[in-house]
Amino acid sequence: MMQLWRQRAARRLGQSAEDQACAELQRHGMQLIERNYRVRGGEIDLILRAPDGTLVFVEVRARRHAGFGGAAGSIDARKRGRLILAARHYLARLPEEPVCRFDVVTLDAGRLQWLPGAFAVEG
């Protein structure tokens, strides 16, 4: 019973964080393309187009408390690999591959931070 409550609370926190992140990025002129793009082995929280045409894949991370490295600290190599896998799958559907980047938006104890170009893809 307690575990189900925690799962629901985590889902609500994640959804709220995605809503806040999306609103913030749209205030900066970005256009939402897709939310929660899922493929086997990966998911991208938000896909947006920047004013300069760049396709932006966004990972949103939220923590109620900023301890243990905070939200950004939870994006390890394995998580980045899953994001890259999903992005490659998404890009394969397009007729032309646009300029793209990976951003991270974190919410640590309610404080939003946007990290444009948070990591790069090698190869």
PDB file of N, CA and C in Angstrom:
ATOM      1  N   MET A   1       0.827  -1.190   0.000  1.00  0.00           N
ATOM      2  CA  MET A   1       0.000   0.000   0.000  1.00  0.00           C
ATOM      3  C   MET A   1       0.874   1.257   0.000  1.00  0.00           C
ATOM      4  N   MET A   2       1.892   1.302   0.861  1.00  0.00           N
ATOM      5  CA  MET A   2       2.770   2.463   0.942  1.00  0.00           C
ATOM      6  C   MET A   2       3.539   2.650  -0.366  1.00  0.00           C
ATOM      7  N   GLN A   3       3.964   1.542  -0.989  1.00  0.00           N
ATOM      8  CA  GLN A   3       4.719   1.637  -2.230  1.00  0.00           C
ATOM      9  C   GLN A   3       3.856   2.232  -3.343  1.00  0.00           C
ATOM     10  N   LEU A   4       2.602   1.855  -3.434  1.00  0.00           N
ATOM     11  CA  LEU A   4       1.686   2.407  -4.430  1.00  0.00           C
ATOM     12  C   LEU A   4       1.532   3.911  -4.221  1.00  0.00           C
ATOM     13  N   TRP A   5       1.404   4.339  -2.974  1.00  0.00           N
ATOM     14  CA  TRP A   5       1.296   5.762  -2.663  1.00  0.00           C
ATOM     15  C   TRP A   5       2.541   6.509  -3.127  1.00  0.00           C
ATOM     16  N   ARG A   6       3.724   5.930  -2.883  1.00  0.00           N
ATOM     17  CA  ARG A   6       4.979   6.561  -3.303  1.00  0.00           C
ATOM     18  C   ARG A   6       5.070   6.658  -4.822  1.00  0.00           C
ATOM     19  N   GLN A   7       4.652   5.608  -5.517  1.00  0.00           N
ATOM     20  CA  GLN A   7       4.678   5.629  -6.980  1.00  0.00           C
ATOM     21  C   GLN A   7       3.774   6.728  -7.522  1.00  0.00           C
ATOM     22  N   ARG A   8       2.589   6.849  -6.968  1.00  0.00           N
ATOM     23  CA  ARG A   8       1.658   7.890  -7.418  1.00  0.00           C
ATOM     24  C   ARG A   8       2.208   9.279  -7.114  1.00  0.00           C
ATOM     25  N   ALA A   9       2.801   9.448  -5.943  1.00  0.00           N
ATOM     26  CA  ALA A   9       3.382  10.742  -5.571  1.00  0.00           C
ATOM     27  C   ALA A   9       4.537  11.093  -6.512  1.00  0.00           C
ATOM     28  N   ALA A  10       5.365  10.115  -6.848  1.00  0.00           N
ATOM     29  CA  ALA A  10       6.483  10.345  -7.765  1.00  0.00           C
ATOM     30  C   ALA A  10       5.975  10.715  -9.155  1.00  0.00           C
ATOM     31  N   ARG A  11       4.920  10.040  -9.596  1.00  0.00           N
ATOM     32  CA  ARG A  11       4.324  10.354 -10.905  1.00  0.00           C
ATOM     33  C   ARG A  11       3.784  11.781 -10.932  1.00  0.00           C
ATOM     34  N   ARG A  12       3.099  12.169  -9.850  1.00  0.00           N
ATOM     35  CA  ARG A  12       2.557  13.534  -9.767  1.00  0.00           C
ATOM     36  C   ARG A  12       3.686  14.564  -9.766  1.00  0.00           C
ATOM     37  N   LEU A  13       4.740  14.288  -9.016  1.00  0.00           N
ATOM     38  CA  LEU A  13       5.888  15.187  -8.975  1.00  0.00           C
ATOM     39  C   LEU A  13       6.503  15.315 -10.371  1.00  0.00           C
ATOM     40  N   GLY A  14       6.686  14.192 -11.039  1.00  0.00           N
ATOM     41  CA  GLY A  14       7.262  14.198 -12.386  1.00  0.00           C
ATOM     42  C   GLY A  14       6.405  14.957 -13.377  1.00  0.00           C
ATOM     43  N   GLN A  15       5.099  14.729 -13.339  1.00  0.00           N
ATOM     44  CA  GLN A  15       4.180  15.421 -14.248  1.00  0.00           C
ATOM     45  C   GLN A  15       4.196  16.923 -13.986  1.00  0.00           C
ATOM     46  N   SER A  16       4.174  17.307 -12.726  1.00  0.00           N
ATOM     47  CA  SER A  16       4.222  18.723 -12.366  1.00  0.00           C
ATOM     48  C   SER A  16       5.532  19.356 -12.832  1.00  0.00           C
ATOM     49  N   ALA A  17       6.637  18.651 -12.658  1.00  0.00           N
ATOM     50  CA  ALA A  17       7.940  19.158 -13.088  1.00  0.00           C
ATOM     51  C   ALA A  17       7.971  19.335 -14.602  1.00  0.00           C
ATOM     52  N   GLU A  18       7.427  18.371 -15.343  1.00  0.00           N
ATOM     53  CA  GLU A  18       7.379  18.487 -16.804  1.00  0.00           C
ATOM     54  C   GLU A  18       6.524  19.671 -17.224  1.00  0.00           C
ATOM     55  N   ASP A  19       5.398  19.871 -16.557  1.00  0.00           N
ATOM     56  CA  ASP A  19       4.529  21.016 -16.864  1.00  0.00           C
ATOM     57  C   ASP A  19       5.276  22.332 -16.644  1.00  0.00           C
ATOM     58  N   GLN A  20       5.973  22.442 -15.510  1.00  0.00           N
ATOM     59  CA  GLN A  20       6.722  23.666 -15.198  1.00  0.00           C
ATOM     60  C   GLN A  20       7.862  23.886 -16.189  1.00  0.00           C
ATOM     61  N   ALA A  21       8.575  22.808 -16.515  1.00  0.00           N
ATOM     62  CA  ALA A  21       9.689  22.907 -17.462  1.00  0.00           C
ATOM     63  C   ALA A  21       9.187  23.343 -18.834  1.00  0.00           C
ATOM     64  N   CYS A  22       8.113  22.734 -19.286  1.00  0.00           N
ATOM     65  CA  CYS A  22       7.551  23.063 -20.594  1.00  0.00           C
ATOM     66  C   CYS A  22       7.134  24.532 -20.640  1.00  0.00           C
ATOM     67  N   ALA A  23       6.460  24.989 -19.613  1.00  0.00           N
ATOM     68  CA  ALA A  23       6.018  26.386 -19.555  1.00  0.00           C
ATOM     69  C   ALA A  23       7.216  27.338 -19.586  1.00  0.00           C
ATOM     70  N   GLU A  24       8.265  27.015 -18.840  1.00  0.00           N
ATOM     71  CA  GLU A  24       9.460  27.864 -18.809  1.00  0.00           C
ATOM     72  C   GLU A  24      10.127  27.925 -20.183  1.00  0.00           C
ATOM     73  N   LEU A  25      10.266  26.780 -20.838  1.00  0.00           N
ATOM     74  CA  LEU A  25      10.914  26.753 -22.147  1.00  0.00           C
ATOM     75  C   LEU A  25      10.067  27.478 -23.192  1.00  0.00           C
ATOM     76  N   GLN A  26       8.758  27.355 -23.097  1.00  0.00           N
ATOM     77  CA  GLN A  26       7.884  28.077 -24.022  1.00  0.00           C
ATOM     78  C   GLN A  26       7.988  29.587 -23.800  1.00  0.00           C
ATOM     79  N   ARG A  27       8.202  30.017 -22.573  1.00  0.00           N
ATOM     80  CA  ARG A  27       8.424  31.446 -22.297  1.00  0.00           C
ATOM     81  C   ARG A  27       9.682  31.958 -23.000  1.00  0.00           C
ATOM     82  N   HIS A  28      10.604  31.047 -23.285  1.00  0.00           N
ATOM     83  CA  HIS A  28      11.835  31.401 -24.000  1.00  0.00           C
ATOM     84  C   HIS A  28      11.677  31.225 -25.508  1.00  0.00           C
ATOM     85  N   GLY A  29      10.453  31.069 -25.967  1.00  0.00           N
ATOM     86  CA  GLY A  29      10.181  31.012 -27.401  1.00  0.00           C
ATOM     87  C   GLY A  29      10.209  29.635 -28.029  1.00  0.00           C
ATOM     88  N   MET A  30      10.348  28.599 -27.218  1.00  0.00           N
ATOM     89  CA  MET A  30      10.362  27.247 -27.773  1.00  0.00           C
ATOM     90  C   MET A  30       8.946  26.762 -28.045  1.00  0.00           C
ATOM     91  N   GLN A  31       8.839  25.919 -29.069  1.00  0.00           N
ATOM     92  CA  GLN A  31       7.548  25.353 -29.452  1.00  0.00           C
ATOM     93  C   GLN A  31       7.540  23.863 -29.100  1.00  0.00           C
ATOM     94  N   LEU A  32       6.534  23.443 -28.347  1.00  0.00           N
ATOM     95  CA  LEU A  32       6.418  22.033 -27.971  1.00  0.00           C
ATOM     96  C   LEU A  32       6.069  21.203 -29.198  1.00  0.00           C
ATOM     97  N   ILE A  33       6.834  20.142 -29.423  1.00  0.00           N
ATOM     98  CA  ILE A  33       6.587  19.203 -30.513  1.00  0.00           C
ATOM     99  C   ILE A  33       5.918  17.943 -29.967  1.00  0.00           C
ATOM    100  N   GLU A  34       6.482  17.403 -28.883  1.00  0.00           N
ATOM    101  CA  GLU A  34       5.958  16.150 -28.329  1.00  0.00           C
ATOM    102  C   GLU A  34       6.343  16.017 -26.860  1.00  0.00           C
ATOM    103  N   ARG A  35       5.461  15.335 -26.119  1.00  0.00           N
ATOM    104  CA  ARG A  35       5.725  15.019 -24.707  1.00  0.00           C
ATOM    105  C   ARG A  35       5.804  13.513 -24.545  1.00  0.00           C
ATOM    106  N   ASN A  36       6.689  13.085 -23.666  1.00  0.00           N
ATOM    107  CA  ASN A  36       6.802  11.672 -23.293  1.00  0.00           C
ATOM    108  C   ASN A  36       6.906  10.750 -24.504  1.00  0.00           C
ATOM    109  N   TYR A  37       7.885  11.026 -25.349  1.00  0.00           N
ATOM    110  CA  TYR A  37       8.139  10.175 -26.517  1.00  0.00           C
ATOM    111  C   TYR A  37       8.824   8.904 -26.029  1.00  0.00           C
ATOM    112  N   ARG A  38       8.161   7.770 -26.235  1.00  0.00           N
ATOM    113  CA  ARG A  38       8.664   6.493 -25.705  1.00  0.00           C
ATOM    114  C   ARG A  38       8.979   5.506 -26.825  1.00  0.00           C
ATOM    115  N   VAL A  39      10.086   4.829 -26.651  1.00  0.00           N
ATOM    116  CA  VAL A  39      10.445   3.693 -27.495  1.00  0.00           C
ATOM    117  C   VAL A  39      10.967   2.612 -26.561  1.00  0.00           C
ATOM    118  N   ARG A  40      11.058   1.418 -27.072  1.00  0.00           N
ATOM    119  CA  ARG A  40      11.605   0.341 -26.249  1.00  0.00           C
ATOM    120  C   ARG A  40      13.031   0.713 -25.827  1.00  0.00           C
ATOM    121  N   GLY A  41      13.224   0.833 -24.537  1.00  0.00           N
ATOM    122  CA  GLY A  41      14.553   1.133 -24.012  1.00  0.00           C
ATOM    123  C   GLY A  41      14.838   2.598 -23.735  1.00  0.00           C
ATOM    124  N   GLY A  42      13.871   3.486 -24.014  1.00  0.00           N
ATOM    125  CA  GLY A  42      14.148   4.894 -23.751  1.00  0.00           C
ATOM    126  C   GLY A  42      12.922   5.780 -23.824  1.00  0.00           C
ATOM    127  N   GLU A  43      13.050   6.960 -23.251  1.00  0.00           N
ATOM    128  CA  GLU A  43      11.965   7.946 -23.262  1.00  0.00           C
ATOM    129  C   GLU A  43      12.562   9.344 -23.204  1.00  0.00           C
ATOM    130  N   ILE A  44      11.906  10.273 -23.904  1.00  0.00           N
ATOM    131  CA  ILE A  44      12.276  11.683 -23.853  1.00  0.00           C
ATOM    132  C   ILE A  44      11.082  12.425 -23.281  1.00  0.00           C
ATOM    133  N   ASP A  45      11.311  13.197 -22.231  1.00  0.00           N
ATOM    134  CA  ASP A  45      10.210  13.899 -21.566  1.00  0.00           C
ATOM    135  C   ASP A  45       9.571  14.946 -22.464  1.00  0.00           C
ATOM    136  N   LEU A  46      10.399  15.791 -23.080  1.00  0.00           N
ATOM    137  CA  LEU A  46       9.888  16.871 -23.923  1.00  0.00           C
ATOM    138  C   LEU A  46      10.745  16.987 -25.178  1.00  0.00           C
ATOM    139  N   ILE A  47      10.088  17.220 -26.299  1.00  0.00           N
ATOM    140  CA  ILE A  47      10.784  17.542 -27.543  1.00  0.00           C
ATOM    141  C   ILE A  47      10.234  18.891 -27.993  1.00  0.00           C
ATOM    142  N   LEU A  48      11.139  19.845 -28.159  1.00  0.00           N
ATOM    143  CA  LEU A  48      10.732  21.201 -28.535  1.00  0.00           C
ATOM    144  C   LEU A  48      11.588  21.706 -29.688  1.00  0.00           C
ATOM    145  N   ARG A  49      11.081  22.754 -30.350  1.00  0.00           N
ATOM    146  CA  ARG A  49      11.868  23.426 -31.370  1.00  0.00           C
ATOM    147  C   ARG A  49      12.219  24.818 -30.849  1.00  0.00           C
ATOM    148  N   ALA A  50      13.510  25.115 -30.841  1.00  0.00           N
ATOM    149  CA  ALA A  50      13.995  26.423 -30.396  1.00  0.00           C
ATOM    150  C   ALA A  50      13.718  27.463 -31.481  1.00  0.00           C
ATOM    151  N   PRO A  51      13.721  28.734 -31.113  1.00  0.00           N
ATOM    152  CA  PRO A  51      13.474  29.786 -32.101  1.00  0.00           C
ATOM    153  C   PRO A  51      14.425  29.745 -33.304  1.00  0.00           C
ATOM    154  N   ASP A  52      15.656  29.246 -33.111  1.00  0.00           N
ATOM    155  CA  ASP A  52      16.612  29.162 -34.223  1.00  0.00           C
ATOM    156  C   ASP A  52      16.447  27.894 -35.057  1.00  0.00           C
ATOM    157  N   GLY A  53      15.425  27.072 -34.745  1.00  0.00           N
ATOM    158  CA  GLY A  53      15.157  25.849 -35.502  1.00  0.00           C
ATOM    159  C   GLY A  53      15.767  24.593 -34.917  1.00  0.00           C
ATOM    160  N   THR A  54      16.604  24.723 -33.912  1.00  0.00           N
ATOM    161  CA  THR A  54      17.227  23.561 -33.276  1.00  0.00           C
ATOM    162  C   THR A  54      16.163  22.683 -32.625  1.00  0.00           C
ATOM    163  N   LEU A  55      16.269  21.379 -32.842  1.00  0.00           N
ATOM    164  CA  LEU A  55      15.384  20.421 -32.183  1.00  0.00           C
ATOM    165  C   LEU A  55      16.002  20.110 -30.822  1.00  0.00           C
ATOM    166  N   VAL A  56      15.224  20.281 -29.770  1.00  0.00           N
ATOM    167  CA  VAL A  56      15.749  20.156 -28.414  1.00  0.00           C
ATOM    168  C   VAL A  56      15.066  18.996 -27.695  1.00  0.00           C
ATOM    169  N   PHE A  57      15.873  18.017 -27.290  1.00  0.00           N
ATOM    170  CA  PHE A  57      15.397  16.889 -26.498  1.00  0.00           C
ATOM    171  C   PHE A  57      15.649  17.246 -25.034  1.00  0.00           C
ATOM    172  N   VAL A  58      14.601  17.180 -24.225  1.00  0.00           N
ATOM    173  CA  VAL A  58      14.715  17.654 -22.847  1.00  0.00           C
ATOM    174  C   VAL A  58      14.414  16.538 -21.853  1.00  0.00           C
ATOM    175  N   GLU A  59      15.324  16.358 -20.918  1.00  0.00           N
ATOM    176  CA  GLU A  59      15.113  15.466 -19.781  1.00  0.00           C
ATOM    177  C   GLU A  59      14.767  16.342 -18.588  1.00  0.00           C
ATOM    178  N   VAL A  60      13.673  16.022 -17.925  1.00  0.00           N
ATOM    179  CA  VAL A  60      13.232  16.783 -16.757  1.00  0.00           C
ATOM    180  C   VAL A  60      13.426  15.902 -15.528  1.00  0.00           C
ATOM    181  N   ARG A  61      14.112  16.440 -14.518  1.00  0.00           N
ATOM    182  CA  ARG A  61      14.352  15.696 -13.287  1.00  0.00           C
ATOM    183  C   ARG A  61      13.909  16.539 -12.102  1.00  0.00           C
ATOM    184  N   ALA A  62      13.225  15.917 -11.178  1.00  0.00           N
ATOM    185  CA  ALA A  62      12.735  16.635  -9.998  1.00  0.00           C
ATOM    186  C   ALA A  62      13.074  15.857  -8.735  1.00  0.00           C
ATOM    187  N   ARG A  63      13.405  16.607  -7.713  1.00  0.00           N
ATOM    188  CA  ARG A  63      13.649  16.049  -6.389  1.00  0.00           C
ATOM    189  C   ARG A  63      12.994  16.978  -5.381  1.00  0.00           C
ATOM    190  N   ARG A  64      12.356  16.391  -4.398  1.00  0.00           N
ATOM    191  CA  ARG A  64      11.745  17.214  -3.345  1.00  0.00           C
ATOM    192  C   ARG A  64      12.814  17.882  -2.485  1.00  0.00           C
ATOM    193  N   HIS A  65      13.957  17.207  -2.351  1.00  0.00           N
ATOM    194  CA  HIS A  65      15.065  17.722  -1.555  1.00  0.00           C
ATOM    195  C   HIS A  65      16.313  17.713  -2.426  1.00  0.00           C
ATOM    196  N   ALA A  66      17.180  18.671  -2.250  1.00  0.00           N
ATOM    197  CA  ALA A  66      18.350  18.827  -3.110  1.00  0.00           C
ATOM    198  C   ALA A  66      19.536  17.955  -2.699  1.00  0.00           C
ATOM    199  N   GLY A  67      19.396  17.093  -1.725  1.00  0.00           N
ATOM    200  CA  GLY A  67      20.497  16.251  -1.273  1.00  0.00           C
ATOM    201  C   GLY A  67      20.870  15.157  -2.257  1.00  0.00           C
ATOM    202  N   PHE A  68      21.916  14.421  -1.965  1.00  0.00           N
ATOM    203  CA  PHE A  68      22.387  13.291  -2.764  1.00  0.00           C
ATOM    204  C   PHE A  68      22.685  13.680  -4.205  1.00  0.00           C
ATOM    205  N   GLY A  69      23.266  14.848  -4.414  1.00  0.00           N
ATOM    206  CA  GLY A  69      23.636  15.266  -5.764  1.00  0.00           C
ATOM    207  C   GLY A  69      22.521  15.970  -6.507  1.00  0.00           C
ATOM    208  N   GLY A  70      21.360  16.055  -5.917  1.00  0.00           N
ATOM    209  CA  GLY A  70      20.251  16.758  -6.548  1.00  0.00           C
ATOM    210  C   GLY A  70      19.726  16.046  -7.779  1.00  0.00           C
ATOM    211  N   ALA A  71      18.820  16.709  -8.462  1.00  0.00           N
ATOM    212  CA  ALA A  71      18.167  16.117  -9.627  1.00  0.00           C
ATOM    213  C   ALA A  71      19.153  15.869 -10.763  1.00  0.00           C
ATOM    214  N   ALA A  72      20.042  16.824 -11.011  1.00  0.00           N
ATOM    215  CA  ALA A  72      20.997  16.671 -12.112  1.00  0.00           C
ATOM    216  C   ALA A  72      21.924  15.486 -11.877  1.00  0.00           C
ATOM    217  N   GLY A  73      22.248  15.207 -10.632  1.00  0.00           N
ATOM    218  CA  GLY A  73      23.125  14.096 -10.304  1.00  0.00           C
ATOM    219  C   GLY A  73      22.546  12.729 -10.618  1.00  0.00           C
ATOM    220  N   SER A  74      21.247  12.679 -10.881  1.00  0.00           N
ATOM    221  CA  SER A  74      20.613  11.393 -11.178  1.00  0.00           C
ATOM    222  C   SER A  74      20.661  11.037 -12.662  1.00  0.00           C
ATOM    223  N   ILE A  75      21.255  11.898 -13.484  1.00  0.00           N
ATOM    224  CA  ILE A  75      21.354  11.610 -14.924  1.00  0.00           C
ATOM    225  C   ILE A  75      22.738  11.032 -15.191  1.00  0.00           C
ATOM    226  N   ASP A  76      22.821   9.726 -15.087  1.00  0.00           N
ATOM    227  CA  ASP A  76      24.095   9.041 -15.255  1.00  0.00           C
ATOM    228  C   ASP A  76      24.274   8.592 -16.711  1.00  0.00           C
ATOM    229  N   ALA A  77      25.381   7.901 -16.992  1.00  0.00           N
ATOM    230  CA  ALA A  77      25.688   7.455 -18.353  1.00  0.00           C
ATOM    231  C   ALA A  77      24.597   6.539 -18.901  1.00  0.00           C
ATOM    232  N   ARG A  78      24.046   5.701 -18.065  1.00  0.00           N
ATOM    233  CA  ARG A  78      22.982   4.788 -18.510  1.00  0.00           C
ATOM    234  C   ARG A  78      21.741   5.574 -18.936  1.00  0.00           C
ATOM    235  N   LYS A  79      21.358   6.569 -18.146  1.00  0.00           N
ATOM    236  CA  LYS A  79      20.196   7.395 -18.477  1.00  0.00           C
ATOM    237  C   LYS A  79      20.452   8.185 -19.755  1.00  0.00           C
ATOM    238  N   ARG A  80      21.658   8.748 -19.893  1.00  0.00           N
ATOM    239  CA  ARG A  80      21.994   9.474 -21.125  1.00  0.00           C
ATOM    240  C   ARG A  80      21.906   8.546 -22.330  1.00  0.00           C
ATOM    241  N   GLY A  81      22.352   7.319 -22.166  1.00  0.00           N
ATOM    242  CA  GLY A  81      22.265   6.340 -23.253  1.00  0.00           C
ATOM    243  C   GLY A  81      20.832   6.077 -23.678  1.00  0.00           C
ATOM    244  N   ARG A  82      19.929   6.003 -22.721  1.00  0.00           N
ATOM    245  CA  ARG A  82      18.512   5.783 -23.035  1.00  0.00           C
ATOM    246  C   ARG A  82      17.908   6.987 -23.753  1.00  0.00           C
ATOM    247  N   LEU A  83      18.312   8.183 -23.341  1.00  0.00           N
ATOM    248  CA  LEU A  83      17.846   9.399 -24.017  1.00  0.00           C
ATOM    249  C   LEU A  83      18.347   9.435 -25.459  1.00  0.00           C
ATOM    250  N   ILE A  84      19.615   9.108 -25.647  1.00  0.00           N
ATOM    251  CA  ILE A  84      20.206   9.112 -26.983  1.00  0.00           C
ATOM    252  C   ILE A  84      19.525   8.074 -27.867  1.00  0.00           C
ATOM    253  N   LEU A  85      19.256   6.894 -27.333  1.00  0.00           N
ATOM    254  CA  LEU A  85      18.553   5.850 -28.085  1.00  0.00           C
ATOM    255  C   LEU A  85      17.195   6.353 -28.567  1.00  0.00           C
ATOM    256  N   ALA A  86      16.427   6.955 -27.677  1.00  0.00           N
ATOM    257  CA  ALA A  86      15.103   7.467 -28.041  1.00  0.00           C
ATOM    258  C   ALA A  86      15.226   8.601 -29.058  1.00  0.00           C
ATOM    259  N   ALA A  87      16.213   9.470 -28.890  1.00  0.00           N
ATOM    260  CA  ALA A  87      16.405  10.577 -29.835  1.00  0.00           C
ATOM    261  C   ALA A  87      16.764  10.055 -31.221  1.00  0.00           C
ATOM    262  N   ARG A  88      17.626   9.076 -31.288  1.00  0.00           N
ATOM    263  CA  ARG A  88      17.990   8.500 -32.595  1.00  0.00           C
ATOM    264  C   ARG A  88      16.772   7.881 -33.271  1.00  0.00           C
ATOM    265  N   HIS A  89      15.947   7.227 -32.490  1.00  0.00           N
ATOM    266  CA  HIS A  89      14.719   6.642 -33.029  1.00  0.00           C
ATOM    267  C   HIS A  89      13.812   7.746 -33.567  1.00  0.00           C
ATOM    268  N   TYR A  90      13.658   8.817 -32.809  1.00  0.00           N
ATOM    269  CA  TYR A  90      12.815   9.939 -33.240  1.00  0.00           C
ATOM    270  C   TYR A  90      13.368  10.566 -34.519  1.00  0.00           C
ATOM    271  N   LEU A  91      14.674  10.805 -34.560  1.00  0.00           N
ATOM    272  CA  LEU A  91      15.301  11.433 -35.726  1.00  0.00           C
ATOM    273  C   LEU A  91      15.191  10.572 -36.977  1.00  0.00           C
ATOM    274  N   ALA A  92      15.180   9.252 -36.812  1.00  0.00           N
ATOM    275  CA  ALA A  92      15.072   8.344 -37.960  1.00  0.00           C
ATOM    276  C   ALA A  92      13.740   8.508 -38.687  1.00  0.00           C
ATOM    277  N   ARG A  93      12.723   9.029 -38.000  1.00  0.00           N
ATOM    278  CA  ARG A  93      11.404   9.227 -38.615  1.00  0.00           C
ATOM    279  C   ARG A  93      11.355  10.471 -39.495  1.00  0.00           C
ATOM    280  N   LEU A  94      12.315  11.361 -39.329  1.00  0.00           N
ATOM    281  CA  LEU A  94      12.291  12.644 -40.027  1.00  0.00           C
ATOM    282  C   LEU A  94      12.941  12.533 -41.404  1.00  0.00           C
ATOM    283  N   PRO A  95      12.451  13.309 -42.377  1.00  0.00           N
ATOM    284  CA  PRO A  95      13.043  13.262 -43.715  1.00  0.00           C
ATOM    285  C   PRO A  95      14.471  13.805 -43.747  1.00  0.00           C
ATOM    286  N   GLU A  96      14.775  14.759 -42.875  1.00  0.00           N
ATOM    287  CA  GLU A  96      16.106  15.350 -42.758  1.00  0.00           C
ATOM    288  C   GLU A  96      16.468  15.477 -41.295  1.00  0.00           C
ATOM    289  N   GLU A  97      17.720  15.222 -40.969  1.00  0.00           N
ATOM    290  CA  GLU A  97      18.120  15.354 -39.564  1.00  0.00           C
ATOM    291  C   GLU A  97      18.446  16.813 -39.254  1.00  0.00           C
ATOM    292  N   PRO A  98      17.700  17.422 -38.344  1.00  0.00           N
ATOM    293  CA  PRO A  98      17.956  18.820 -37.995  1.00  0.00           C
ATOM    294  C   PRO A  98      19.114  18.940 -37.004  1.00  0.00           C
ATOM    295  N   VAL A  99      19.554  20.162 -36.806  1.00  0.00           N
ATOM    296  CA  VAL A  99      20.490  20.441 -35.715  1.00  0.00           C
ATOM    297  C   VAL A  99      19.728  20.142 -34.429  1.00  0.00           C
ATOM    298  N   CYS A 100      20.360  19.424 -33.512  1.00  0.00           N
ATOM    299  CA  CYS A 100      19.657  19.094 -32.270  1.00  0.00           C
ATOM    300  C   CYS A 100      20.617  19.163 -31.089  1.00  0.00           C
ATOM    301  N   ARG A 101      20.020  19.180 -29.906  1.00  0.00           N
ATOM    302  CA  ARG A 101      20.816  19.197 -28.679  1.00  0.00           C
ATOM    303  C   ARG A 101      19.996  18.575 -27.552  1.00  0.00           C
ATOM    304  N   PHE A 102      20.707  18.258 -26.471  1.00  0.00           N
ATOM    305  CA  PHE A 102      20.081  17.700 -25.276  1.00  0.00           C
ATOM    306  C   PHE A 102      20.162  18.724 -24.151  1.00  0.00           C
ATOM    307  N   ASP A 103      19.001  19.110 -23.637  1.00  0.00           N
ATOM    308  CA  ASP A 103      18.922  20.013 -22.491  1.00  0.00           C
ATOM    309  C   ASP A 103      18.408  19.229 -21.292  1.00  0.00           C
ATOM    310  N   VAL A 104      18.700  19.732 -20.129  1.00  0.00           N
ATOM    311  CA  VAL A 104      18.173  19.166 -18.892  1.00  0.00           C
ATOM    312  C   VAL A 104      17.517  20.300 -18.119  1.00  0.00           C
ATOM    313  N   VAL A 105      16.347  20.026 -17.579  1.00  0.00           N
ATOM    314  CA  VAL A 105      15.693  20.964 -16.670  1.00  0.00           C
ATOM    315  C   VAL A 105      15.548  20.238 -15.343  1.00  0.00           C
ATOM    316  N   THR A 106      16.055  20.856 -14.287  1.00  0.00           N
ATOM    317  CA  THR A 106      15.955  20.249 -12.963  1.00  0.00           C
ATOM    318  C   THR A 106      15.078  21.104 -12.061  1.00  0.00           C
ATOM    319  N   LEU A 107      14.401  20.428 -11.177  1.00  0.00           N
ATOM    320  CA  LEU A 107      13.672  21.095 -10.102  1.00  0.00           C
ATOM    321  C   LEU A 107      14.134  20.457  -8.805  1.00  0.00           C
ATOM    322  N   ASP A 108      14.936  21.199  -8.068  1.00  0.00           N
ATOM    323  CA  ASP A 108      15.425  20.749  -6.765  1.00  0.00           C
ATOM    324  C   ASP A 108      14.702  21.549  -5.704  1.00  0.00           C
ATOM    325  N   ALA A 109      13.882  20.867  -4.919  1.00  0.00           N
ATOM    326  CA  ALA A 109      13.115  21.522  -3.854  1.00  0.00           C
ATOM    327  C   ALA A 109      12.362  22.736  -4.400  1.00  0.00           C
ATOM    328  N   GLY A 110      11.813  22.580  -5.615  1.00  0.00           N
ATOM    329  CA  GLY A 110      10.997  23.628  -6.219  1.00  0.00           C
ATOM    330  C   GLY A 110      11.754  24.673  -7.016  1.00  0.00           C
ATOM    331  N   ARG A 111      13.086  24.631  -7.010  1.00  0.00           N
ATOM    332  CA  ARG A 111      13.897  25.610  -7.747  1.00  0.00           C
ATOM    333  C   ARG A 111      14.225  25.062  -9.134  1.00  0.00           C
ATOM    334  N   LEU A 112      13.746  25.758 -10.185  1.00  0.00           N
ATOM    335  CA  LEU A 112      13.941  25.311 -11.558  1.00  0.00           C
ATOM    336  C   LEU A 112      15.274  25.815 -12.101  1.00  0.00           C
ATOM    337  N   GLN A 113      15.998  24.910 -12.768  1.00  0.00           N
ATOM    338  CA  GLN A 113      17.241  25.284 -13.430  1.00  0.00           C
ATOM    339  C   GLN A 113      17.254  24.645 -14.812  1.00  0.00           C
ATOM    340  N   TRP A 114      17.539  25.440 -15.838  1.00  0.00           N
ATOM    341  CA  TRP A 114      17.585  24.976 -17.224  1.00  0.00           C
ATOM    342  C   TRP A 114      19.040  24.898 -17.650  1.00  0.00           C
ATOM    343  N   LEU A 115      19.454  23.739 -18.139  1.00  0.00           N
ATOM    344  CA  LEU A 115      20.835  23.513 -18.566  1.00  0.00           C
ATOM    345  C   LEU A 115      20.852  23.219 -20.067  1.00  0.00           C
ATOM    346  N   PRO A 116      20.921  24.261 -20.919  1.00  0.00           N
ATOM    347  CA  PRO A 116      20.964  24.032 -22.369  1.00  0.00           C
ATOM    348  C   PRO A 116      22.252  23.310 -22.755  1.00  0.00           C
ATOM    349  N   GLY A 117      22.145  22.363 -23.695  1.00  0.00           N
ATOM    350  CA  GLY A 117      23.325  21.632 -24.137  1.00  0.00           C
ATOM    351  C   GLY A 117      24.003  20.898 -23.002  1.00  0.00           C
ATOM    352  N   ALA A 118      23.209  20.271 -22.150  1.00  0.00           N
ATOM    353  CA  ALA A 118      23.719  19.627 -20.933  1.00  0.00           C
ATOM    354  C   ALA A 118      24.727  18.520 -21.216  1.00  0.00           C
ATOM    355  N   PHE A 119      24.545  17.829 -22.335  1.00  0.00           N
ATOM    356  CA  PHE A 119      25.533  16.822 -22.723  1.00  0.00           C
ATOM    357  C   PHE A 119      25.510  16.657 -24.230  1.00  0.00           C
ATOM    358  N   ALA A 120      26.606  16.132 -24.760  1.00  0.00           N
ATOM    359  CA  ALA A 120      26.750  15.949 -26.204  1.00  0.00           C
ATOM    360  C   ALA A 120      26.765  14.462 -26.528  1.00  0.00           C
ATOM    361  N   VAL A 121      26.470  14.165 -27.782  1.00  0.00           N
ATOM    362  CA  VAL A 121      26.494  12.785 -28.261  1.00  0.00           C
ATOM    363  C   VAL A 121      27.789  12.593 -29.038  1.00  0.00           C
ATOM    364  N   GLU A 122      28.520  11.588 -28.665  1.00  0.00           N
ATOM    365  CA  GLU A 122      29.754  11.256 -29.375  1.00  0.00           C
ATOM    366  C   GLU A 122      29.454  10.175 -30.399  1.00  0.00           C
ATOM    367  N   GLY A 123      29.902  10.400 -31.624  1.00  0.00           N
ATOM    368  CA  GLY A 123      29.736   9.398 -32.678  1.00  0.00           C
ATOM    369  C   GLY A 123      28.377   9.370 -33.155  1.00  0.00           C
TER     370      GLY A 123
END
